[in-house]
Amino acid sequence: MLFERVPGLYGSGVIPLRFEEFKVGIRKLIMDQFFNSADLEAFFHGAGDTSERIGASLKQAIDDLDLDTAFESLLDVIMTSSFSGMLNMVGGRDALNPLKSPFVAKMRDYFENQFANSGFQDQIHDALKNALDDEAIRQKVAELIDQRLDQMTPQMVKEIIQEMIRKHLGWLVVWGCAFGGLIGLMVTIISNIQSWSL
């Protein structure tokens, strides 16, 4: 009765007849319950440990920096500068190789000190907060939901609901039939007893 129109039976075929209303209701349910503005704000901006996570991420990023390549780039710049002639007199590029380890250590310390600064982390946090526009995200989610709902047909909804009924409500249908039959039998017996006694 939910899915098929039965002639003369009011309320039958409600899903195909009211399909557009069902789609609007599904959209409203998803947007209001899962993607409301307050929840998005809390999800993207309200995490109390954001600064700690940013600090940990920055520390990991510093550890992953390829400062050896930075040193090689620095040597390339020096060797193409006016100092290259003077350096060639004392061994050229190889004369600067002993400076590699101290350079890498000093640069790593510098980055750690700069990135560990709470003011710097707050600037990054504010930049991320401004980049994550709640309303734009909510609008994109709404567009995705609308696209999916536009692809749905009454037949697809029928199949989804029938599958849910078969999977989760099978026993409810069985018990409904059993109790309905039992109630019908009792009413029939009581009405027959009453008619015999008259």
N, C-alpha and C. Protein backbone atom coordinates (compact mmCIF):
# COMPACT_ATOMS: atom_id res chain seq x y z
N MET A 1 0.81 -1.20 0.00
CA MET A 1 0.00 0.00 0.00
C MET A 1 0.86 1.27 0.00
N LEU A 2 2.04 1.19 0.60
CA LEU A 2 2.91 2.36 0.60
C LEU A 2 3.39 2.69 -0.81
N PHE A 3 3.63 1.65 -1.60
CA PHE A 3 4.31 1.85 -2.88
C PHE A 3 3.39 1.76 -4.09
N GLU A 4 2.32 1.01 -3.96
CA GLU A 4 1.44 0.79 -5.11
C GLU A 4 0.08 1.42 -4.87
N ARG A 5 -0.47 2.01 -5.90
CA ARG A 5 -1.79 2.63 -5.82
C ARG A 5 -2.84 1.53 -5.94
N VAL A 6 -3.70 1.42 -4.93
CA VAL A 6 -4.81 0.46 -4.96
C VAL A 6 -6.08 1.25 -5.26
N PRO A 7 -6.73 0.97 -6.37
CA PRO A 7 -7.93 1.75 -6.73
C PRO A 7 -8.99 1.69 -5.62
N GLY A 8 -9.50 2.86 -5.28
CA GLY A 8 -10.57 2.96 -4.30
C GLY A 8 -10.10 2.94 -2.86
N LEU A 9 -8.80 2.78 -2.63
CA LEU A 9 -8.28 2.70 -1.25
C LEU A 9 -7.48 3.97 -0.97
N TYR A 10 -8.10 4.86 -0.19
CA TYR A 10 -7.48 6.15 0.12
C TYR A 10 -6.18 5.95 0.89
N GLY A 11 -5.13 6.68 0.52
CA GLY A 11 -3.85 6.63 1.22
C GLY A 11 -2.87 5.63 0.63
N SER A 12 -3.32 4.83 -0.32
CA SER A 12 -2.40 3.87 -0.92
C SER A 12 -1.49 4.57 -1.93
N GLY A 13 -0.32 4.03 -2.15
CA GLY A 13 0.64 4.62 -3.09
C GLY A 13 1.18 5.95 -2.64
N VAL A 14 1.31 6.13 -1.32
CA VAL A 14 1.70 7.43 -0.78
C VAL A 14 3.13 7.82 -1.20
N ILE A 15 4.03 6.87 -1.33
CA ILE A 15 5.42 7.22 -1.67
C ILE A 15 5.53 7.76 -3.10
N PRO A 16 4.98 7.09 -4.12
CA PRO A 16 5.06 7.69 -5.46
C PRO A 16 4.29 9.02 -5.57
N LEU A 17 3.14 9.11 -4.88
CA LEU A 17 2.34 10.33 -4.97
C LEU A 17 3.01 11.52 -4.30
N ARG A 18 3.69 11.29 -3.21
CA ARG A 18 4.30 12.37 -2.42
C ARG A 18 5.82 12.31 -2.48
N PHE A 19 6.35 11.80 -3.58
CA PHE A 19 7.78 11.55 -3.66
C PHE A 19 8.60 12.83 -3.50
N GLU A 20 8.20 13.92 -4.12
CA GLU A 20 8.95 15.18 -4.00
C GLU A 20 8.96 15.67 -2.56
N GLU A 21 7.84 15.50 -1.85
CA GLU A 21 7.80 15.89 -0.44
C GLU A 21 8.74 15.01 0.39
N PHE A 22 8.81 13.71 0.04
CA PHE A 22 9.73 12.82 0.73
C PHE A 22 11.17 13.28 0.53
N LYS A 23 11.51 13.67 -0.69
CA LYS A 23 12.88 14.12 -0.97
C LYS A 23 13.21 15.38 -0.18
N VAL A 24 12.26 16.32 -0.13
CA VAL A 24 12.48 17.55 0.65
C VAL A 24 12.64 17.20 2.13
N GLY A 25 11.85 16.27 2.61
CA GLY A 25 11.93 15.86 4.01
C GLY A 25 13.27 15.19 4.33
N ILE A 26 13.73 14.33 3.41
CA ILE A 26 15.03 13.66 3.61
C ILE A 26 16.14 14.70 3.63
N ARG A 27 16.10 15.65 2.70
CA ARG A 27 17.13 16.70 2.65
C ARG A 27 17.14 17.51 3.94
N LYS A 28 15.95 17.90 4.38
CA LYS A 28 15.84 18.71 5.60
C LYS A 28 16.36 17.92 6.81
N LEU A 29 16.01 16.65 6.88
CA LEU A 29 16.47 15.81 7.99
C LEU A 29 17.99 15.74 8.02
N ILE A 30 18.60 15.46 6.87
CA ILE A 30 20.07 15.33 6.82
C ILE A 30 20.74 16.66 7.15
N MET A 31 20.27 17.74 6.56
CA MET A 31 20.92 19.04 6.78
C MET A 31 20.73 19.52 8.22
N ASP A 32 19.52 19.34 8.76
CA ASP A 32 19.26 19.83 10.12
C ASP A 32 19.92 18.98 11.19
N GLN A 33 19.94 17.67 10.98
CA GLN A 33 20.44 16.78 12.02
C GLN A 33 21.95 16.56 11.95
N PHE A 34 22.51 16.53 10.74
CA PHE A 34 23.92 16.17 10.61
C PHE A 34 24.82 17.34 10.22
N PHE A 35 24.27 18.34 9.56
CA PHE A 35 25.11 19.41 9.05
C PHE A 35 24.59 20.78 9.44
N ASN A 36 24.07 20.90 10.65
CA ASN A 36 23.61 22.24 11.05
C ASN A 36 24.81 23.11 11.37
N SER A 37 24.61 24.40 11.34
CA SER A 37 25.72 25.36 11.47
C SER A 37 26.47 25.19 12.78
N ALA A 38 25.75 24.95 13.87
CA ALA A 38 26.41 24.82 15.17
C ALA A 38 27.33 23.60 15.21
N ASP A 39 26.88 22.50 14.63
CA ASP A 39 27.72 21.30 14.62
C ASP A 39 28.96 21.48 13.74
N LEU A 40 28.78 22.13 12.59
CA LEU A 40 29.94 22.39 11.72
C LEU A 40 30.94 23.31 12.41
N GLU A 41 30.42 24.33 13.08
CA GLU A 41 31.30 25.26 13.81
C GLU A 41 32.09 24.50 14.87
N ALA A 42 31.41 23.65 15.61
CA ALA A 42 32.09 22.88 16.66
C ALA A 42 33.10 21.92 16.05
N PHE A 43 32.74 21.31 14.92
CA PHE A 43 33.64 20.34 14.30
C PHE A 43 34.91 20.99 13.77
N PHE A 44 34.76 22.11 13.05
CA PHE A 44 35.92 22.71 12.41
C PHE A 44 36.69 23.66 13.31
N HIS A 45 36.02 24.32 14.24
CA HIS A 45 36.69 25.38 14.99
C HIS A 45 36.71 25.18 16.49
N GLY A 46 35.85 24.35 16.99
CA GLY A 46 35.70 24.28 18.43
C GLY A 46 36.59 23.27 19.13
N ALA A 47 37.40 22.57 18.39
CA ALA A 47 38.24 21.55 19.03
C ALA A 47 39.23 22.22 19.97
N GLY A 48 39.20 21.82 21.23
CA GLY A 48 40.05 22.46 22.23
C GLY A 48 41.52 22.16 22.07
N ASP A 49 41.86 21.07 21.41
CA ASP A 49 43.26 20.69 21.30
C ASP A 49 43.85 21.09 19.95
N THR A 50 43.24 22.06 19.28
CA THR A 50 43.72 22.45 17.95
C THR A 50 45.15 22.96 18.01
N SER A 51 45.46 23.82 18.98
CA SER A 51 46.82 24.36 19.07
C SER A 51 47.84 23.26 19.29
N GLU A 52 47.49 22.30 20.15
CA GLU A 52 48.42 21.19 20.40
C GLU A 52 48.63 20.37 19.13
N ARG A 53 47.54 20.13 18.39
CA ARG A 53 47.67 19.36 17.16
C ARG A 53 48.49 20.12 16.12
N ILE A 54 48.28 21.43 16.05
CA ILE A 54 49.07 22.23 15.11
C ILE A 54 50.54 22.16 15.49
N GLY A 55 50.83 22.30 16.80
CA GLY A 55 52.22 22.22 17.27
C GLY A 55 52.85 20.88 16.92
N ALA A 56 52.11 19.79 17.14
CA ALA A 56 52.64 18.45 16.83
C ALA A 56 52.85 18.29 15.33
N SER A 57 51.92 18.81 14.54
CA SER A 57 52.05 18.71 13.08
C SER A 57 53.25 19.51 12.59
N LEU A 58 53.44 20.70 13.16
CA LEU A 58 54.59 21.51 12.76
C LEU A 58 55.90 20.84 13.14
N LYS A 59 55.93 20.24 14.33
CA LYS A 59 57.16 19.54 14.74
C LYS A 59 57.47 18.40 13.79
N GLN A 60 56.44 17.66 13.41
CA GLN A 60 56.64 16.56 12.46
C GLN A 60 57.10 17.11 11.11
N ALA A 61 56.52 18.25 10.69
CA ALA A 61 56.92 18.85 9.42
C ALA A 61 58.37 19.30 9.46
N ILE A 62 58.82 19.84 10.59
CA ILE A 62 60.22 20.26 10.74
C ILE A 62 61.13 19.05 10.66
N ASP A 63 60.74 17.96 11.32
CA ASP A 63 61.55 16.74 11.29
C ASP A 63 61.64 16.18 9.87
N ASP A 64 60.59 16.41 9.07
CA ASP A 64 60.57 15.87 7.71
C ASP A 64 61.24 16.79 6.69
N LEU A 65 61.63 18.00 7.11
CA LEU A 65 62.27 18.93 6.17
C LEU A 65 63.58 18.34 5.66
N ASP A 66 63.81 18.48 4.36
CA ASP A 66 65.05 18.01 3.76
C ASP A 66 66.05 19.16 3.76
N LEU A 67 66.73 19.33 4.91
CA LEU A 67 67.67 20.44 5.05
C LEU A 67 69.01 20.15 4.36
N ASP A 68 69.27 18.89 4.07
CA ASP A 68 70.48 18.56 3.31
C ASP A 68 70.39 19.17 1.90
N THR A 69 69.20 19.06 1.30
CA THR A 69 69.00 19.65 -0.02
C THR A 69 69.07 21.17 0.06
N ALA A 70 68.56 21.72 1.16
CA ALA A 70 68.66 23.18 1.35
C ALA A 70 70.11 23.61 1.40
N PHE A 71 70.95 22.82 2.09
CA PHE A 71 72.37 23.14 2.17
C PHE A 71 73.01 23.07 0.78
N GLU A 72 72.64 22.04 0.01
CA GLU A 72 73.19 21.91 -1.35
C GLU A 72 72.76 23.11 -2.21
N SER A 73 71.53 23.57 -2.03
CA SER A 73 71.06 24.74 -2.78
C SER A 73 71.85 25.99 -2.38
N LEU A 74 72.13 26.10 -1.08
CA LEU A 74 72.93 27.22 -0.60
C LEU A 74 74.32 27.19 -1.22
N LEU A 75 74.92 26.00 -1.29
CA LEU A 75 76.24 25.87 -1.93
C LEU A 75 76.19 26.27 -3.41
N ASP A 76 75.09 25.88 -4.08
CA ASP A 76 74.95 26.26 -5.50
C ASP A 76 74.94 27.78 -5.65
N VAL A 77 74.21 28.45 -4.74
CA VAL A 77 74.14 29.92 -4.80
C VAL A 77 75.52 30.52 -4.55
N ILE A 78 76.23 29.98 -3.55
CA ILE A 78 77.56 30.51 -3.22
C ILE A 78 78.53 30.29 -4.38
N MET A 79 78.45 29.09 -5.00
CA MET A 79 79.40 28.78 -6.07
C MET A 79 79.12 29.57 -7.35
N THR A 80 77.91 30.12 -7.48
CA THR A 80 77.63 30.95 -8.66
C THR A 80 77.80 32.44 -8.34
N SER A 81 78.18 32.73 -7.11
CA SER A 81 78.36 34.14 -6.72
C SER A 81 79.81 34.56 -6.95
N SER A 82 80.09 35.78 -6.57
CA SER A 82 81.45 36.32 -6.73
C SER A 82 82.42 35.68 -5.75
N PHE A 83 81.93 34.95 -4.74
CA PHE A 83 82.81 34.28 -3.77
C PHE A 83 83.39 32.98 -4.32
N SER A 84 82.88 32.50 -5.43
CA SER A 84 83.33 31.20 -5.93
C SER A 84 84.82 31.19 -6.28
N GLY A 85 85.33 32.27 -6.83
CA GLY A 85 86.76 32.34 -7.17
C GLY A 85 87.61 32.21 -5.93
N MET A 86 87.20 32.91 -4.86
CA MET A 86 87.97 32.84 -3.61
C MET A 86 87.86 31.44 -3.00
N LEU A 87 86.69 30.84 -3.07
CA LEU A 87 86.51 29.50 -2.50
C LEU A 87 87.30 28.45 -3.28
N ASN A 88 87.41 28.64 -4.58
CA ASN A 88 88.17 27.69 -5.40
C ASN A 88 89.64 27.66 -4.98
N MET A 89 90.13 28.77 -4.42
CA MET A 89 91.52 28.80 -3.97
C MET A 89 91.73 27.96 -2.72
N VAL A 90 90.67 27.73 -1.93
CA VAL A 90 90.82 26.97 -0.67
C VAL A 90 90.15 25.61 -0.75
N GLY A 91 89.85 25.14 -1.94
CA GLY A 91 89.27 23.80 -2.07
C GLY A 91 87.90 23.77 -2.70
N GLY A 92 87.34 24.90 -3.01
CA GLY A 92 86.06 24.96 -3.71
C GLY A 92 84.88 24.48 -2.86
N ARG A 93 83.98 23.85 -3.53
CA ARG A 93 82.73 23.37 -2.89
C ARG A 93 83.03 22.42 -1.75
N ASP A 94 84.03 21.58 -1.91
CA ASP A 94 84.37 20.58 -0.87
C ASP A 94 84.82 21.24 0.43
N ALA A 95 85.34 22.45 0.33
CA ALA A 95 85.80 23.15 1.54
C ALA A 95 84.62 23.51 2.45
N LEU A 96 83.41 23.62 1.88
CA LEU A 96 82.24 24.00 2.67
C LEU A 96 81.46 22.77 3.21
N ASN A 97 81.77 21.57 2.73
CA ASN A 97 81.04 20.37 3.17
C ASN A 97 81.08 20.14 4.68
N PRO A 98 82.17 20.46 5.40
CA PRO A 98 82.16 20.27 6.85
C PRO A 98 81.12 21.14 7.56
N LEU A 99 80.61 22.18 6.89
CA LEU A 99 79.61 23.05 7.49
C LEU A 99 78.19 22.49 7.38
N LYS A 100 78.05 21.37 6.67
CA LYS A 100 76.72 20.82 6.41
C LYS A 100 75.99 20.44 7.70
N SER A 101 76.61 19.64 8.56
CA SER A 101 75.95 19.19 9.80
C SER A 101 75.59 20.36 10.71
N PRO A 102 76.52 21.32 10.96
CA PRO A 102 76.11 22.46 11.79
C PRO A 102 74.99 23.29 11.16
N PHE A 103 75.04 23.45 9.82
CA PHE A 103 73.99 24.20 9.13
C PHE A 103 72.63 23.53 9.34
N VAL A 104 72.56 22.22 9.12
CA VAL A 104 71.30 21.48 9.27
C VAL A 104 70.79 21.58 10.70
N ALA A 105 71.69 21.40 11.68
CA ALA A 105 71.28 21.46 13.09
C ALA A 105 70.77 22.86 13.46
N LYS A 106 71.49 23.91 13.02
CA LYS A 106 71.08 25.28 13.34
C LYS A 106 69.75 25.63 12.67
N MET A 107 69.57 25.21 11.42
CA MET A 107 68.32 25.50 10.73
C MET A 107 67.14 24.78 11.40
N ARG A 108 67.35 23.52 11.81
CA ARG A 108 66.30 22.77 12.48
C ARG A 108 65.92 23.46 13.80
N ASP A 109 66.92 23.90 14.56
CA ASP A 109 66.66 24.63 15.81
C ASP A 109 65.90 25.92 15.55
N TYR A 110 66.30 26.62 14.49
CA TYR A 110 65.64 27.88 14.16
C TYR A 110 64.15 27.64 13.86
N PHE A 111 63.88 26.66 13.01
CA PHE A 111 62.48 26.37 12.66
C PHE A 111 61.68 25.92 13.88
N GLU A 112 62.29 25.09 14.71
CA GLU A 112 61.58 24.63 15.91
C GLU A 112 61.24 25.80 16.83
N ASN A 113 62.20 26.72 17.00
CA ASN A 113 61.92 27.89 17.85
C ASN A 113 60.84 28.79 17.26
N GLN A 114 60.90 28.99 15.95
CA GLN A 114 59.90 29.85 15.31
C GLN A 114 58.51 29.23 15.35
N PHE A 115 58.44 27.92 15.04
CA PHE A 115 57.14 27.27 14.95
C PHE A 115 56.57 26.91 16.32
N ALA A 116 57.43 26.82 17.33
CA ALA A 116 56.94 26.51 18.67
C ALA A 116 56.33 27.74 19.34
N ASN A 117 56.57 28.89 18.78
CA ASN A 117 56.03 30.14 19.30
C ASN A 117 54.50 30.08 19.26
N SER A 118 53.85 30.29 20.41
CA SER A 118 52.39 30.19 20.48
C SER A 118 51.71 31.24 19.60
N GLY A 119 52.33 32.40 19.45
CA GLY A 119 51.76 33.43 18.57
C GLY A 119 51.71 32.96 17.13
N PHE A 120 52.77 32.28 16.70
CA PHE A 120 52.81 31.75 15.34
C PHE A 120 51.75 30.68 15.14
N GLN A 121 51.60 29.80 16.15
CA GLN A 121 50.58 28.74 16.07
C GLN A 121 49.18 29.34 16.06
N ASP A 122 48.98 30.41 16.82
CA ASP A 122 47.68 31.07 16.82
C ASP A 122 47.38 31.68 15.45
N GLN A 123 48.42 32.22 14.80
CA GLN A 123 48.23 32.78 13.46
C GLN A 123 47.81 31.68 12.48
N ILE A 124 48.45 30.52 12.59
CA ILE A 124 48.08 29.40 11.72
C ILE A 124 46.66 28.94 12.01
N HIS A 125 46.33 28.85 13.30
CA HIS A 125 44.97 28.44 13.70
C HIS A 125 43.94 29.42 13.14
N ASP A 126 44.21 30.72 13.25
CA ASP A 126 43.27 31.72 12.73
C ASP A 126 43.16 31.62 11.21
N ALA A 127 44.29 31.38 10.54
CA ALA A 127 44.26 31.25 9.07
C ALA A 127 43.42 30.04 8.67
N LEU A 128 43.57 28.92 9.38
CA LEU A 128 42.77 27.73 9.08
C LEU A 128 41.30 27.99 9.36
N LYS A 129 41.03 28.67 10.46
CA LYS A 129 39.64 28.97 10.83
C LYS A 129 38.98 29.83 9.75
N ASN A 130 39.70 30.81 9.25
CA ASN A 130 39.16 31.68 8.22
C ASN A 130 39.01 30.94 6.89
N ALA A 131 39.90 29.98 6.64
CA ALA A 131 39.85 29.23 5.37
C ALA A 131 38.67 28.27 5.35
N LEU A 132 38.27 27.77 6.52
CA LEU A 132 37.16 26.82 6.58
C LEU A 132 35.86 27.58 6.80
N ASP A 133 35.24 27.95 5.72
CA ASP A 133 34.00 28.71 5.76
C ASP A 133 32.84 27.73 5.96
N ASP A 134 32.23 27.79 7.15
CA ASP A 134 31.15 26.86 7.49
C ASP A 134 30.01 26.89 6.50
N GLU A 135 29.61 28.07 6.09
CA GLU A 135 28.45 28.18 5.20
C GLU A 135 28.77 27.62 3.82
N ALA A 136 30.01 27.82 3.35
CA ALA A 136 30.41 27.26 2.06
C ALA A 136 30.41 25.74 2.11
N ILE A 137 30.89 25.18 3.22
CA ILE A 137 30.91 23.72 3.38
C ILE A 137 29.48 23.20 3.44
N ARG A 138 28.64 23.88 4.21
CA ARG A 138 27.23 23.47 4.33
C ARG A 138 26.54 23.53 2.96
N GLN A 139 26.85 24.55 2.18
CA GLN A 139 26.27 24.68 0.85
C GLN A 139 26.72 23.55 -0.06
N LYS A 140 28.00 23.19 0.01
CA LYS A 140 28.53 22.11 -0.81
C LYS A 140 27.88 20.78 -0.44
N VAL A 141 27.72 20.53 0.87
CA VAL A 141 27.05 19.31 1.32
C VAL A 141 25.61 19.29 0.81
N ALA A 142 24.93 20.43 0.89
CA ALA A 142 23.55 20.51 0.40
C ALA A 142 23.48 20.20 -1.09
N GLU A 143 24.45 20.70 -1.85
CA GLU A 143 24.48 20.42 -3.29
C GLU A 143 24.68 18.93 -3.56
N LEU A 144 25.58 18.31 -2.79
CA LEU A 144 25.81 16.87 -2.96
C LEU A 144 24.56 16.07 -2.63
N ILE A 145 23.88 16.45 -1.55
CA ILE A 145 22.64 15.75 -1.17
C ILE A 145 21.58 15.95 -2.24
N ASP A 146 21.44 17.19 -2.74
CA ASP A 146 20.45 17.46 -3.78
C ASP A 146 20.74 16.64 -5.04
N GLN A 147 22.02 16.55 -5.42
CA GLN A 147 22.37 15.75 -6.60
C GLN A 147 21.95 14.30 -6.42
N ARG A 148 22.24 13.76 -5.24
CA ARG A 148 21.90 12.35 -4.99
C ARG A 148 20.39 12.16 -4.94
N LEU A 149 19.68 13.09 -4.31
CA LEU A 149 18.23 12.97 -4.24
C LEU A 149 17.59 13.11 -5.62
N ASP A 150 18.17 13.95 -6.48
CA ASP A 150 17.63 14.09 -7.84
C ASP A 150 17.80 12.81 -8.64
N GLN A 151 18.80 12.01 -8.30
CA GLN A 151 19.02 10.74 -8.99
C GLN A 151 18.06 9.65 -8.51
N MET A 152 17.48 9.86 -7.34
CA MET A 152 16.59 8.85 -6.78
C MET A 152 15.24 8.86 -7.48
N THR A 153 14.67 7.68 -7.61
CA THR A 153 13.34 7.54 -8.18
C THR A 153 12.45 6.87 -7.14
N PRO A 154 11.13 6.95 -7.33
CA PRO A 154 10.24 6.23 -6.39
C PRO A 154 10.56 4.74 -6.32
N GLN A 155 10.97 4.16 -7.46
CA GLN A 155 11.31 2.73 -7.47
C GLN A 155 12.53 2.46 -6.58
N MET A 156 13.53 3.36 -6.60
CA MET A 156 14.71 3.17 -5.76
C MET A 156 14.32 3.25 -4.28
N VAL A 157 13.47 4.21 -3.92
CA VAL A 157 13.03 4.33 -2.54
C VAL A 157 12.25 3.09 -2.14
N LYS A 158 11.41 2.60 -3.04
CA LYS A 158 10.64 1.38 -2.77
C LYS A 158 11.58 0.22 -2.47
N GLU A 159 12.61 0.06 -3.28
CA GLU A 159 13.56 -1.04 -3.08
C GLU A 159 14.33 -0.88 -1.77
N ILE A 160 14.72 0.35 -1.44
CA ILE A 160 15.46 0.59 -0.18
C ILE A 160 14.59 0.24 1.01
N ILE A 161 13.35 0.72 1.00
CA ILE A 161 12.46 0.47 2.14
C ILE A 161 12.09 -1.00 2.23
N GLN A 162 11.82 -1.63 1.08
CA GLN A 162 11.50 -3.06 1.10
C GLN A 162 12.67 -3.88 1.64
N GLU A 163 13.87 -3.51 1.25
CA GLU A 163 15.06 -4.21 1.76
C GLU A 163 15.19 -4.03 3.27
N MET A 164 14.94 -2.80 3.75
CA MET A 164 15.00 -2.55 5.19
C MET A 164 13.93 -3.37 5.92
N ILE A 165 12.73 -3.42 5.36
CA ILE A 165 11.65 -4.19 5.99
C ILE A 165 12.03 -5.66 6.03
N ARG A 166 12.52 -6.19 4.89
CA ARG A 166 12.92 -7.60 4.86
C ARG A 166 14.04 -7.89 5.85
N LYS A 167 14.99 -6.99 5.92
CA LYS A 167 16.17 -7.23 6.75
C LYS A 167 15.90 -7.02 8.23
N HIS A 168 15.19 -5.95 8.57
CA HIS A 168 15.07 -5.57 9.97
C HIS A 168 13.67 -5.74 10.56
N LEU A 169 12.65 -5.74 9.72
CA LEU A 169 11.29 -5.76 10.24
C LEU A 169 10.53 -7.02 9.87
N GLY A 170 11.23 -8.04 9.40
CA GLY A 170 10.58 -9.27 8.99
C GLY A 170 9.72 -9.89 10.09
N TRP A 171 10.29 -9.96 11.27
CA TRP A 171 9.54 -10.54 12.39
C TRP A 171 8.37 -9.67 12.80
N LEU A 172 8.49 -8.37 12.64
CA LEU A 172 7.37 -7.47 12.95
C LEU A 172 6.19 -7.78 12.03
N VAL A 173 6.48 -8.05 10.77
CA VAL A 173 5.43 -8.41 9.82
C VAL A 173 4.80 -9.75 10.22
N VAL A 174 5.63 -10.71 10.58
CA VAL A 174 5.13 -12.03 10.98
C VAL A 174 4.25 -11.90 12.22
N TRP A 175 4.74 -11.19 13.22
CA TRP A 175 3.96 -11.03 14.46
C TRP A 175 2.70 -10.22 14.21
N GLY A 176 2.77 -9.23 13.35
CA GLY A 176 1.58 -8.46 13.00
C GLY A 176 0.51 -9.34 12.38
N CYS A 177 0.94 -10.22 11.47
CA CYS A 177 -0.01 -11.15 10.85
C CYS A 177 -0.58 -12.12 11.89
N ALA A 178 0.31 -12.62 12.75
CA ALA A 178 -0.14 -13.59 13.78
C ALA A 178 -1.14 -12.95 14.73
N PHE A 179 -0.82 -11.77 15.25
CA PHE A 179 -1.74 -11.10 16.18
C PHE A 179 -3.02 -10.66 15.48
N GLY A 180 -2.90 -10.19 14.24
CA GLY A 180 -4.09 -9.81 13.48
C GLY A 180 -5.01 -11.00 13.26
N GLY A 181 -4.41 -12.14 12.90
CA GLY A 181 -5.21 -13.36 12.73
C GLY A 181 -5.84 -13.80 14.03
N LEU A 182 -5.09 -13.73 15.13
CA LEU A 182 -5.60 -14.13 16.45
C LEU A 182 -6.75 -13.23 16.88
N ILE A 183 -6.58 -11.92 16.69
CA ILE A 183 -7.65 -10.97 17.05
C ILE A 183 -8.88 -11.23 16.18
N GLY A 184 -8.67 -11.45 14.87
CA GLY A 184 -9.79 -11.76 13.98
C GLY A 184 -10.52 -13.03 14.38
N LEU A 185 -9.77 -14.05 14.77
CA LEU A 185 -10.36 -15.31 15.22
C LEU A 185 -11.16 -15.09 16.49
N MET A 186 -10.62 -14.34 17.45
CA MET A 186 -11.33 -14.08 18.70
C MET A 186 -12.61 -13.29 18.45
N VAL A 187 -12.56 -12.29 17.58
CA VAL A 187 -13.76 -11.50 17.27
C VAL A 187 -14.81 -12.39 16.61
N THR A 188 -14.38 -13.26 15.71
CA THR A 188 -15.31 -14.17 15.04
C THR A 188 -15.95 -15.12 16.04
N ILE A 189 -15.14 -15.69 16.94
CA ILE A 189 -15.67 -16.63 17.96
C ILE A 189 -16.65 -15.91 18.87
N ILE A 190 -16.28 -14.71 19.33
CA ILE A 190 -17.16 -13.95 20.24
C ILE A 190 -18.46 -13.59 19.54
N SER A 191 -18.40 -13.16 18.29
CA SER A 191 -19.63 -12.79 17.58
C SER A 191 -20.48 -14.03 17.31
N ASN A 192 -19.84 -15.17 17.03
CA ASN A 192 -20.60 -16.42 16.83
C ASN A 192 -21.27 -16.88 18.13
N ILE A 193 -20.54 -16.75 19.27
CA ILE A 193 -21.11 -17.14 20.57
C ILE A 193 -22.31 -16.25 20.88
N GLN A 194 -22.17 -14.95 20.60
CA GLN A 194 -23.27 -14.02 20.86
C GLN A 194 -24.48 -14.33 19.97
N SER A 195 -24.23 -14.69 18.71
CA SER A 195 -25.36 -14.99 17.80
C SER A 195 -26.02 -16.31 18.18
N TRP A 196 -25.27 -17.27 18.72
CA TRP A 196 -25.86 -18.56 19.13
C TRP A 196 -26.71 -18.38 20.38
N SER A 197 -26.23 -17.52 21.26
CA SER A 197 -26.97 -17.34 22.53
C SER A 197 -28.28 -16.59 22.28
N LEU A 198 -28.42 -15.90 21.18
CA LEU A 198 -29.67 -15.20 20.89
C LEU A 198 -30.62 -16.14 20.31
